[in-house]
Amino acid sequence: RFTLDPRLSALLARAPWHRENWASVEFNLVYRWHSLIPSHLAV
């Protein structure tokens, strides 16, 4: 189980991917999870 703790960023700070965020068009595209939603919802 992954966790977030105050020391995590210190352990990862030198990783080559630790750079300023810039969301990609692919990331936007892969999150179209419309099939999760039932056609009827309990409300």
All heavy atoms as atom14 arrays in JSON, in Angstrom:
{
  "sequence": "RFTLDPRLSALLARAPWHRENWASVEFNLVYRWHSLIPSHLAV",
  "atom14_mask": [
    [1, 1, 1, 1, 1, 1, 1, 1, 1, 1, 1, 0, 0, 0],
    [1, 1, 1, 1, 1, 1, 1, 1, 1, 1, 1, 0, 0, 0],
    [1, 1, 1, 1, 1, 1, 1, 0, 0, 0, 0, 0, 0, 0],
    [1, 1, 1, 1, 1, 1, 1, 1, 0, 0, 0, 0, 0, 0],
    [1, 1, 1, 1, 1, 1, 1, 1, 0, 0, 0, 0, 0, 0],
    [1, 1, 1, 1, 1, 1, 1, 0, 0, 0, 0, 0, 0, 0],
    [1, 1, 1, 1, 1, 1, 1, 1, 1, 1, 1, 0, 0, 0],
    [1, 1, 1, 1, 1, 1, 1, 1, 0, 0, 0, 0, 0, 0],
    [1, 1, 1, 1, 1, 1, 0, 0, 0, 0, 0, 0, 0, 0],
    [1, 1, 1, 1, 1, 0, 0, 0, 0, 0, 0, 0, 0, 0],
    [1, 1, 1, 1, 1, 1, 1, 1, 0, 0, 0, 0, 0, 0],
    [1, 1, 1, 1, 1, 1, 1, 1, 0, 0, 0, 0, 0, 0],
    [1, 1, 1, 1, 1, 0, 0, 0, 0, 0, 0, 0, 0, 0],
    [1, 1, 1, 1, 1, 1, 1, 1, 1, 1, 1, 0, 0, 0],
    [1, 1, 1, 1, 1, 0, 0, 0, 0, 0, 0, 0, 0, 0],
    [1, 1, 1, 1, 1, 1, 1, 0, 0, 0, 0, 0, 0, 0],
    [1, 1, 1, 1, 1, 1, 1, 1, 1, 1, 1, 1, 1, 1],
    [1, 1, 1, 1, 1, 1, 1, 1, 1, 1, 0, 0, 0, 0],
    [1, 1, 1, 1, 1, 1, 1, 1, 1, 1, 1, 0, 0, 0],
    [1, 1, 1, 1, 1, 1, 1, 1, 1, 0, 0, 0, 0, 0],
    [1, 1, 1, 1, 1, 1, 1, 1, 0, 0, 0, 0, 0, 0],
    [1, 1, 1, 1, 1, 1, 1, 1, 1, 1, 1, 1, 1, 1],
    [1, 1, 1, 1, 1, 0, 0, 0, 0, 0, 0, 0, 0, 0],
    [1, 1, 1, 1, 1, 1, 0, 0, 0, 0, 0, 0, 0, 0],
    [1, 1, 1, 1, 1, 1, 1, 0, 0, 0, 0, 0, 0, 0],
    [1, 1, 1, 1, 1, 1, 1, 1, 1, 0, 0, 0, 0, 0],
    [1, 1, 1, 1, 1, 1, 1, 1, 1, 1, 1, 0, 0, 0],
    [1, 1, 1, 1, 1, 1, 1, 1, 0, 0, 0, 0, 0, 0],
    [1, 1, 1, 1, 1, 1, 1, 1, 0, 0, 0, 0, 0, 0],
    [1, 1, 1, 1, 1, 1, 1, 0, 0, 0, 0, 0, 0, 0],
    [1, 1, 1, 1, 1, 1, 1, 1, 1, 1, 1, 1, 0, 0],
    [1, 1, 1, 1, 1, 1, 1, 1, 1, 1, 1, 0, 0, 0],
    [1, 1, 1, 1, 1, 1, 1, 1, 1, 1, 1, 1, 1, 1],
    [1, 1, 1, 1, 1, 1, 1, 1, 1, 1, 0, 0, 0, 0],
    [1, 1, 1, 1, 1, 1, 0, 0, 0, 0, 0, 0, 0, 0],
    [1, 1, 1, 1, 1, 1, 1, 1, 0, 0, 0, 0, 0, 0],
    [1, 1, 1, 1, 1, 1, 1, 1, 0, 0, 0, 0, 0, 0],
    [1, 1, 1, 1, 1, 1, 1, 0, 0, 0, 0, 0, 0, 0],
    [1, 1, 1, 1, 1, 1, 0, 0, 0, 0, 0, 0, 0, 0],
    [1, 1, 1, 1, 1, 1, 1, 1, 1, 1, 0, 0, 0, 0],
    [1, 1, 1, 1, 1, 1, 1, 1, 0, 0, 0, 0, 0, 0],
    [1, 1, 1, 1, 1, 0, 0, 0, 0, 0, 0, 0, 0, 0],
    [1, 1, 1, 1, 1, 1, 1, 0, 0, 0, 0, 0, 0, 0]
  ],
  "atom14_positions": [
    [[0.85, -1.19, 0.0], [0.0, 0.0, 0.0], [0.89, 1.24, 0.0], [1.72, 1.45, 0.91], [-0.91, 0.02, 1.23], [-1.64, -1.28, 1.5], [-2.49, -1.74, 0.33], [-3.67, -0.9, 0.16], [-4.47, -0.98, -0.88], [-4.19, -1.84, -1.88], [-5.54, -0.22, -0.98], [0.0, 0.0, 0.0], [0.0, 0.0, 0.0], [0.0, 0.0, 0.0]],
    [[0.71, 2.09, -1.03], [1.5, 3.32, -1.13], [1.09, 4.32, -0.04], [-0.08, 4.38, 0.35], [1.33, 3.95, -2.51], [1.87, 3.11, -3.62], [1.02, 2.41, -4.47], [3.23, 2.99, -3.82], [1.51, 1.62, -5.5], [3.74, 2.2, -4.85], [2.88, 1.52, -5.68], [0.0, 0.0, 0.0], [0.0, 0.0, 0.0], [0.0, 0.0, 0.0]],
    [[2.07, 5.09, 0.42], [1.8, 6.09, 1.45], [2.43, 7.42, 1.08], [3.36, 7.49, 0.27], [2.36, 5.65, 2.82], [3.78, 5.43, 2.7], [1.69, 4.38, 3.32], [0.0, 0.0, 0.0], [0.0, 0.0, 0.0], [0.0, 0.0, 0.0], [0.0, 0.0, 0.0], [0.0, 0.0, 0.0], [0.0, 0.0, 0.0], [0.0, 0.0, 0.0]],
    [[1.92, 8.47, 1.7], [2.49, 9.81, 1.56], [2.98, 10.23, 2.93], [2.21, 10.29, 3.88], [1.44, 10.8, 1.06], [1.93, 12.24, 0.84], [2.76, 12.33, -0.43], [0.75, 13.2, 0.76], [0.0, 0.0, 0.0], [0.0, 0.0, 0.0], [0.0, 0.0, 0.0], [0.0, 0.0, 0.0], [0.0, 0.0, 0.0], [0.0, 0.0, 0.0]],
    [[4.27, 10.49, 3.05], [4.79, 10.96, 4.33], [5.77, 12.09, 4.07], [6.23, 12.29, 2.93], [5.45, 9.83, 5.12], [6.69, 9.26, 4.44], [7.65, 10.02, 4.23], [6.7, 8.05, 4.14], [0.0, 0.0, 0.0], [0.0, 0.0, 0.0], [0.0, 0.0, 0.0], [0.0, 0.0, 0.0], [0.0, 0.0, 0.0], [0.0, 0.0, 0.0]],
    [[6.11, 12.88, 5.1], [6.96, 14.06, 4.89], [8.32, 13.76, 4.29], [8.95, 14.65, 3.71], [7.09, 14.65, 6.3], [5.88, 14.16, 7.03], [5.61, 12.8, 6.47], [0.0, 0.0, 0.0], [0.0, 0.0, 0.0], [0.0, 0.0, 0.0], [0.0, 0.0, 0.0], [0.0, 0.0, 0.0], [0.0, 0.0, 0.0], [0.0, 0.0, 0.0]],
    [[8.8, 12.53, 4.42], [10.14, 12.22, 3.91], [10.14, 11.71, 2.47], [11.21, 11.52, 1.89], [10.8, 11.17, 4.81], [10.96, 11.62, 6.26], [11.78, 10.62, 7.05], [11.82, 10.95, 8.46], [12.49, 10.24, 9.37], [13.16, 9.16, 8.98], [12.48, 10.59, 10.64], [0.0, 0.0, 0.0], [0.0, 0.0, 0.0], [0.0, 0.0, 0.0]],
    [[8.97, 11.47, 1.92], [8.92, 10.88, 0.57], [9.57, 11.77, -0.47], [10.35, 11.31, -1.31], [7.46, 10.6, 0.2], [7.23, 9.92, -1.16], [7.97, 8.59, -1.25], [5.75, 9.72, -1.42], [0.0, 0.0, 0.0], [0.0, 0.0, 0.0], [0.0, 0.0, 0.0], [0.0, 0.0, 0.0], [0.0, 0.0, 0.0], [0.0, 0.0, 0.0]],
    [[9.25, 13.07, -0.44], [9.82, 13.97, -1.44], [11.33, 14.06, -1.32], [12.04, 14.2, -2.32], [9.2, 15.36, -1.31], [7.91, 15.38, -1.86], [0.0, 0.0, 0.0], [0.0, 0.0, 0.0], [0.0, 0.0, 0.0], [0.0, 0.0, 0.0], [0.0, 0.0, 0.0], [0.0, 0.0, 0.0], [0.0, 0.0, 0.0], [0.0, 0.0, 0.0]],
    [[11.85, 13.99, -0.09], [13.31, 14.03, 0.08], [13.96, 12.81, -0.57], [15.04, 12.9, -1.17], [13.65, 14.08, 1.57], [0.0, 0.0, 0.0], [0.0, 0.0, 0.0], [0.0, 0.0, 0.0], [0.0, 0.0, 0.0], [0.0, 0.0, 0.0], [0.0, 0.0, 0.0], [0.0, 0.0, 0.0], [0.0, 0.0, 0.0], [0.0, 0.0, 0.0]],
    [[13.29, 11.65, -0.47], [13.84, 10.44, -1.08], [13.77, 10.47, -2.6], [14.57, 9.83, -3.28], [13.07, 9.21, -0.56], [13.27, 8.88, 0.93], [12.29, 7.79, 1.35], [14.7, 8.44, 1.2], [0.0, 0.0, 0.0], [0.0, 0.0, 0.0], [0.0, 0.0, 0.0], [0.0, 0.0, 0.0], [0.0, 0.0, 0.0], [0.0, 0.0, 0.0]],
    [[12.8, 11.23, -3.13], [12.59, 11.26, -4.58], [13.11, 12.53, -5.26], [13.03, 12.65, -6.48], [11.1, 11.12, -4.89], [10.44, 9.8, -4.44], [8.93, 9.87, -4.65], [11.02, 8.62, -5.21], [0.0, 0.0, 0.0], [0.0, 0.0, 0.0], [0.0, 0.0, 0.0], [0.0, 0.0, 0.0], [0.0, 0.0, 0.0], [0.0, 0.0, 0.0]],
    [[13.61, 13.47, -4.46], [13.93, 14.8, -5.0], [14.97, 14.76, -6.12], [14.97, 15.63, -7.0], [14.42, 15.71, -3.87], [0.0, 0.0, 0.0], [0.0, 0.0, 0.0], [0.0, 0.0, 0.0], [0.0, 0.0, 0.0], [0.0, 0.0, 0.0], [0.0, 0.0, 0.0], [0.0, 0.0, 0.0], [0.0, 0.0, 0.0], [0.0, 0.0, 0.0]],
    [[15.84, 13.79, -6.12], [16.89, 13.73, -7.14], [16.5, 12.88, -8.34], [17.31, 12.68, -9.25], [18.18, 13.19, -6.53], [18.78, 14.13, -5.47], [20.12, 13.62, -4.98], [20.71, 14.53, -3.99], [21.88, 14.32, -3.4], [22.59, 13.25, -3.7], [22.33, 15.2, -2.5], [0.0, 0.0, 0.0], [0.0, 0.0, 0.0], [0.0, 0.0, 0.0]],
    [[15.31, 12.36, -8.35], [14.86, 11.57, -9.49], [14.78, 12.45, -10.74], [14.4, 13.62, -10.65], [13.49, 10.96, -9.2], [0.0, 0.0, 0.0], [0.0, 0.0, 0.0], [0.0, 0.0, 0.0], [0.0, 0.0, 0.0], [0.0, 0.0, 0.0], [0.0, 0.0, 0.0], [0.0, 0.0, 0.0], [0.0, 0.0, 0.0], [0.0, 0.0, 0.0]],
    [[15.14, 11.92, -11.91], [15.16, 12.74, -13.12], [13.78, 13.26, -13.52], [13.67, 14.25, -14.25], [15.72, 11.79, -14.19], [15.48, 10.42, -13.65], [15.59, 10.54, -12.17], [0.0, 0.0, 0.0], [0.0, 0.0, 0.0], [0.0, 0.0, 0.0], [0.0, 0.0, 0.0], [0.0, 0.0, 0.0], [0.0, 0.0, 0.0], [0.0, 0.0, 0.0]],
    [[12.72, 12.61, -13.06], [11.36, 13.03, -13.41], [10.81, 14.1, -12.46], [9.7, 14.59, -12.66], [10.42, 11.82, -13.42], [10.44, 10.99, -12.17], [11.18, 9.86, -11.96], [9.71, 11.2, -10.96], [10.96, 9.35, -10.7], [10.04, 10.17, -10.07], [8.8, 12.18, -10.54], [9.51, 10.06, -8.79], [8.25, 12.09, -9.27], [8.61, 11.04, -8.4]],
    [[11.57, 14.43, -11.43], [11.08, 15.38, -10.42], [11.21, 16.81, -10.96], [12.1, 17.57, -10.6], [11.85, 15.22, -9.11], [11.08, 15.64, -7.9], [10.92, 16.94, -7.53], [10.39, 14.9, -6.99], [10.2, 17.01, -6.43], [9.86, 15.78, -6.08], [0.0, 0.0, 0.0], [0.0, 0.0, 0.0], [0.0, 0.0, 0.0], [0.0, 0.0, 0.0]],
    [[10.29, 17.16, -11.85], [10.29, 18.45, -12.52], [8.91, 19.08, -12.47], [7.93, 18.43, -12.08], [10.75, 18.31, -13.97], [12.2, 17.84, -14.11], [12.64, 17.88, -15.54], [14.03, 17.48, -15.68], [15.04, 18.33, -15.86], [14.8, 19.64, -15.92], [16.26, 17.88, -16.01], [0.0, 0.0, 0.0], [0.0, 0.0, 0.0], [0.0, 0.0, 0.0]],
    [[8.83, 20.33, -12.89], [7.56, 21.05, -12.82], [6.5, 20.33, -13.64], [6.76, 19.81, -14.71], [7.75, 22.48, -13.34], [6.53, 23.36, -13.12], [6.78, 24.8, -13.52], [7.81, 25.07, -14.18], [5.95, 25.66, -13.18], [0.0, 0.0, 0.0], [0.0, 0.0, 0.0], [0.0, 0.0, 0.0], [0.0, 0.0, 0.0], [0.0, 0.0, 0.0]],
    [[5.28, 20.35, -13.12], [4.18, 19.65, -13.78], [3.84, 20.26, -15.14], [3.91, 21.47, -15.33], [2.92, 19.71, -12.91], [2.98, 18.77, -11.73], [4.01, 18.15, -11.47], [1.9, 18.65, -11.01], [0.0, 0.0, 0.0], [0.0, 0.0, 0.0], [0.0, 0.0, 0.0], [0.0, 0.0, 0.0], [0.0, 0.0, 0.0], [0.0, 0.0, 0.0]],
    [[3.44, 19.38, -16.03], [2.87, 19.79, -17.31], [2.03, 18.62, -17.79], [2.56, 17.61, -18.26], [3.97, 20.13, -18.32], [3.47, 20.85, -19.54], [2.22, 20.78, -20.09], [4.21, 21.75, -20.37], [2.14, 21.58, -21.2], [3.35, 22.2, -21.4], [5.51, 22.23, -20.35], [3.76, 23.07, -22.39], [5.93, 23.1, -21.33], [5.06, 23.54, -22.34]],
    [[0.72, 18.72, -17.66], [-0.16, 17.62, -18.04], [-0.11, 17.39, -19.54], [-0.1, 18.34, -20.33], [-1.59, 17.91, -17.59], [0.0, 0.0, 0.0], [0.0, 0.0, 0.0], [0.0, 0.0, 0.0], [0.0, 0.0, 0.0], [0.0, 0.0, 0.0], [0.0, 0.0, 0.0], [0.0, 0.0, 0.0], [0.0, 0.0, 0.0], [0.0, 0.0, 0.0]],
    [[-0.1, 16.14, -19.93], [0.0, 15.79, -21.35], [-1.38, 15.54, -21.94], [-2.35, 15.22, -21.24], [0.86, 14.53, -21.52], [0.19, 13.4, -20.98], [0.0, 0.0, 0.0], [0.0, 0.0, 0.0], [0.0, 0.0, 0.0], [0.0, 0.0, 0.0], [0.0, 0.0, 0.0], [0.0, 0.0, 0.0], [0.0, 0.0, 0.0], [0.0, 0.0, 0.0]],
    [[-1.44, 15.65, -23.25], [-2.69, 15.37, -23.95], [-3.06, 13.89, -23.8], [-4.24, 13.53, -23.71], [-2.59, 15.78, -25.43], [-1.55, 14.95, -26.18], [-3.94, 15.68, -26.11], [0.0, 0.0, 0.0], [0.0, 0.0, 0.0], [0.0, 0.0, 0.0], [0.0, 0.0, 0.0], [0.0, 0.0, 0.0], [0.0, 0.0, 0.0], [0.0, 0.0, 0.0]],
    [[-2.05, 13.03, -23.72], [-2.33, 11.61, -23.53], [-2.93, 11.34, -22.15], [-3.84, 10.52, -22.01], [-1.05, 10.78, -23.71], [-0.49, 10.79, -25.11], [0.56, 11.89, -25.33], [0.64, 12.8, -24.46], [1.27, 11.83, -26.34], [0.0, 0.0, 0.0], [0.0, 0.0, 0.0], [0.0, 0.0, 0.0], [0.0, 0.0, 0.0], [0.0, 0.0, 0.0]],
    [[-2.41, 12.0, -21.14], [-2.94, 11.84, -19.78], [-4.4, 12.26, -19.74], [-5.24, 11.62, -19.1], [-2.1, 12.68, -18.81], [-2.3, 12.34, -17.36], [-2.67, 11.08, -16.95], [-2.09, 13.31, -16.39], [-2.83, 10.77, -15.6], [-2.25, 13.03, -15.05], [-2.62, 11.75, -14.64], [0.0, 0.0, 0.0], [0.0, 0.0, 0.0], [0.0, 0.0, 0.0]],
    [[-4.72, 13.33, -20.44], [-6.11, 13.79, -20.5], [-6.98, 12.74, -21.19], [-8.09, 12.43, -20.74], [-6.17, 15.12, -21.27], [-7.47, 15.86, -21.07], [-8.51, 15.26, -20.84], [-7.42, 17.17, -21.16], [0.0, 0.0, 0.0], [0.0, 0.0, 0.0], [0.0, 0.0, 0.0], [0.0, 0.0, 0.0], [0.0, 0.0, 0.0], [0.0, 0.0, 0.0]],
    [[-6.46, 12.17, -22.24], [-7.24, 11.22, -23.04], [-7.5, 9.92, -22.29], [-8.61, 9.35, -22.37], [-6.5, 10.93, -24.34], [-7.31, 10.29, -25.48], [-8.32, 11.28, -26.02], [-6.37, 9.84, -26.59], [0.0, 0.0, 0.0], [0.0, 0.0, 0.0], [0.0, 0.0, 0.0], [0.0, 0.0, 0.0], [0.0, 0.0, 0.0], [0.0, 0.0, 0.0]],
    [[-6.52, 9.42, -21.55], [-6.68, 8.11, -20.91], [-7.63, 8.16, -19.72], [-8.02, 7.11, -19.2], [-5.32, 7.53, -20.46], [-4.37, 7.41, -21.62], [-4.71, 8.33, -19.32], [0.0, 0.0, 0.0], [0.0, 0.0, 0.0], [0.0, 0.0, 0.0], [0.0, 0.0, 0.0], [0.0, 0.0, 0.0], [0.0, 0.0, 0.0], [0.0, 0.0, 0.0]],
    [[-8.03, 9.35, -19.3], [-8.91, 9.46, -18.14], [-10.38, 9.59, -18.53], [-11.19, 10.02, -17.72], [-8.51, 10.65, -17.28], [-7.86, 10.24, -15.98], [-6.56, 10.6, -15.67], [-8.56, 9.48, -15.04], [-5.96, 10.23, -14.46], [-7.98, 9.1, -13.85], [-6.69, 9.48, -13.56], [-6.12, 9.1, -12.36], [0.0, 0.0, 0.0], [0.0, 0.0, 0.0]],
    [[-10.75, 9.19, -19.72], [-12.16, 9.23, -20.12], [-12.84, 7.92, -19.67], [-13.14, 7.04, -20.47], [-12.28, 9.43, -21.64], [-11.42, 10.56, -22.2], [-11.86, 11.92, -21.72], [-10.89, 12.96, -22.05], [-10.92, 13.69, -23.16], [-11.86, 13.48, -24.06], [-10.02, 14.64, -23.37], [0.0, 0.0, 0.0], [0.0, 0.0, 0.0], [0.0, 0.0, 0.0]],
    [[-13.06, 7.8, -18.37], [-13.56, 6.55, -17.8], [-15.08, 6.57, -17.7], [-15.68, 6.31, -16.66], [-12.95, 6.35, -16.41], [-11.47, 6.15, -16.43], [-10.66, 6.03, -17.51], [-10.61, 6.07, -15.28], [-9.36, 5.87, -17.12], [-9.29, 5.89, -15.76], [-10.83, 6.12, -13.91], [-8.21, 5.76, -14.9], [-9.75, 5.99, -13.05], [-8.45, 5.81, -13.54]],
    [[-15.74, 6.86, -18.82], [-17.19, 7.0, -18.8], [-17.91, 5.69, -18.48], [-19.03, 5.7, -17.98], [-17.67, 7.51, -20.17], [-16.95, 8.75, -20.62], [-16.39, 8.87, -21.87], [-16.67, 9.9, -19.97], [-15.81, 10.05, -21.98], [-15.95, 10.69, -20.84], [0.0, 0.0, 0.0], [0.0, 0.0, 0.0], [0.0, 0.0, 0.0], [0.0, 0.0, 0.0]],
    [[-17.26, 4.57, -18.78], [-17.92, 3.28, -18.53], [-18.08, 2.97, -17.05], [-18.82, 2.06, -16.68], [-17.15, 2.15, -19.22], [-15.79, 2.13, -18.82], [0.0, 0.0, 0.0], [0.0, 0.0, 0.0], [0.0, 0.0, 0.0], [0.0, 0.0, 0.0], [0.0, 0.0, 0.0], [0.0, 0.0, 0.0], [0.0, 0.0, 0.0], [0.0, 0.0, 0.0]],
    [[-17.41, 3.73, -16.18], [-17.59, 3.55, -14.74], [-19.01, 3.91, -14.3], [-19.52, 3.39, -13.31], [-16.61, 4.42, -13.96], [-15.16, 3.97, -13.85], [-14.33, 5.08, -13.21], [-15.04, 2.69, -13.03], [0.0, 0.0, 0.0], [0.0, 0.0, 0.0], [0.0, 0.0, 0.0], [0.0, 0.0, 0.0], [0.0, 0.0, 0.0], [0.0, 0.0, 0.0]],
    [[-19.66, 4.85, -15.01], [-20.92, 5.41, -14.57], [-22.1, 4.53, -15.0], [-22.31, 4.31, -16.19], [-21.12, 6.83, -15.12], [-19.95, 7.74, -14.7], [-22.43, 7.42, -14.64], [-19.87, 8.0, -13.22], [0.0, 0.0, 0.0], [0.0, 0.0, 0.0], [0.0, 0.0, 0.0], [0.0, 0.0, 0.0], [0.0, 0.0, 0.0], [0.0, 0.0, 0.0]],
    [[-22.88, 4.03, -14.04], [-24.09, 3.27, -14.4], [-25.1, 4.16, -15.12], [-25.08, 5.39, -14.98], [-24.64, 2.8, -13.05], [-23.48, 2.91, -12.09], [-22.66, 4.06, -12.58], [0.0, 0.0, 0.0], [0.0, 0.0, 0.0], [0.0, 0.0, 0.0], [0.0, 0.0, 0.0], [0.0, 0.0, 0.0], [0.0, 0.0, 0.0], [0.0, 0.0, 0.0]],
    [[-25.97, 3.53, -15.87], [-27.01, 4.3, -16.58], [-28.06, 4.83, -15.63], [-28.78, 5.78, -15.94], [-27.66, 3.42, -17.65], [-26.71, 3.05, -18.63], [0.0, 0.0, 0.0], [0.0, 0.0, 0.0], [0.0, 0.0, 0.0], [0.0, 0.0, 0.0], [0.0, 0.0, 0.0], [0.0, 0.0, 0.0], [0.0, 0.0, 0.0], [0.0, 0.0, 0.0]],
    [[-28.19, 4.21, -14.44], [-29.07, 4.7, -13.38], [-28.27, 4.79, -12.09], [-27.43, 3.92, -11.81], [-30.27, 3.78, -13.19], [-31.28, 3.87, -14.29], [-31.09, 3.27, -15.52], [-32.49, 4.5, -14.36], [-32.13, 3.51, -16.3], [-33.0, 4.25, -15.63], [0.0, 0.0, 0.0], [0.0, 0.0, 0.0], [0.0, 0.0, 0.0], [0.0, 0.0, 0.0]],
    [[-28.53, 5.83, -11.32], [-27.77, 6.07, -10.09], [-28.69, 6.14, -8.89], [-29.79, 6.7, -8.96], [-26.97, 7.37, -10.22], [-25.84, 7.34, -11.26], [-25.43, 8.74, -11.67], [-24.64, 6.59, -10.7], [0.0, 0.0, 0.0], [0.0, 0.0, 0.0], [0.0, 0.0, 0.0], [0.0, 0.0, 0.0], [0.0, 0.0, 0.0], [0.0, 0.0, 0.0]],
    [[-28.22, 5.58, -7.77], [-28.96, 5.64, -6.53], [-28.74, 7.0, -5.88], [-27.61, 7.35, -5.54], [-28.5, 4.53, -5.58], [0.0, 0.0, 0.0], [0.0, 0.0, 0.0], [0.0, 0.0, 0.0], [0.0, 0.0, 0.0], [0.0, 0.0, 0.0], [0.0, 0.0, 0.0], [0.0, 0.0, 0.0], [0.0, 0.0, 0.0], [0.0, 0.0, 0.0]],
    [[-29.81, 7.76, -5.73], [-29.72, 9.11, -5.17], [-30.9, 9.34, -4.23], [-32.05, 9.37, -4.67], [-29.73, 10.2, -6.27], [-29.66, 11.58, -5.63], [-28.58, 10.01, -7.24], [0.0, 0.0, 0.0], [0.0, 0.0, 0.0], [0.0, 0.0, 0.0], [0.0, 0.0, 0.0], [0.0, 0.0, 0.0], [0.0, 0.0, 0.0], [0.0, 0.0, 0.0]]
  ]
}
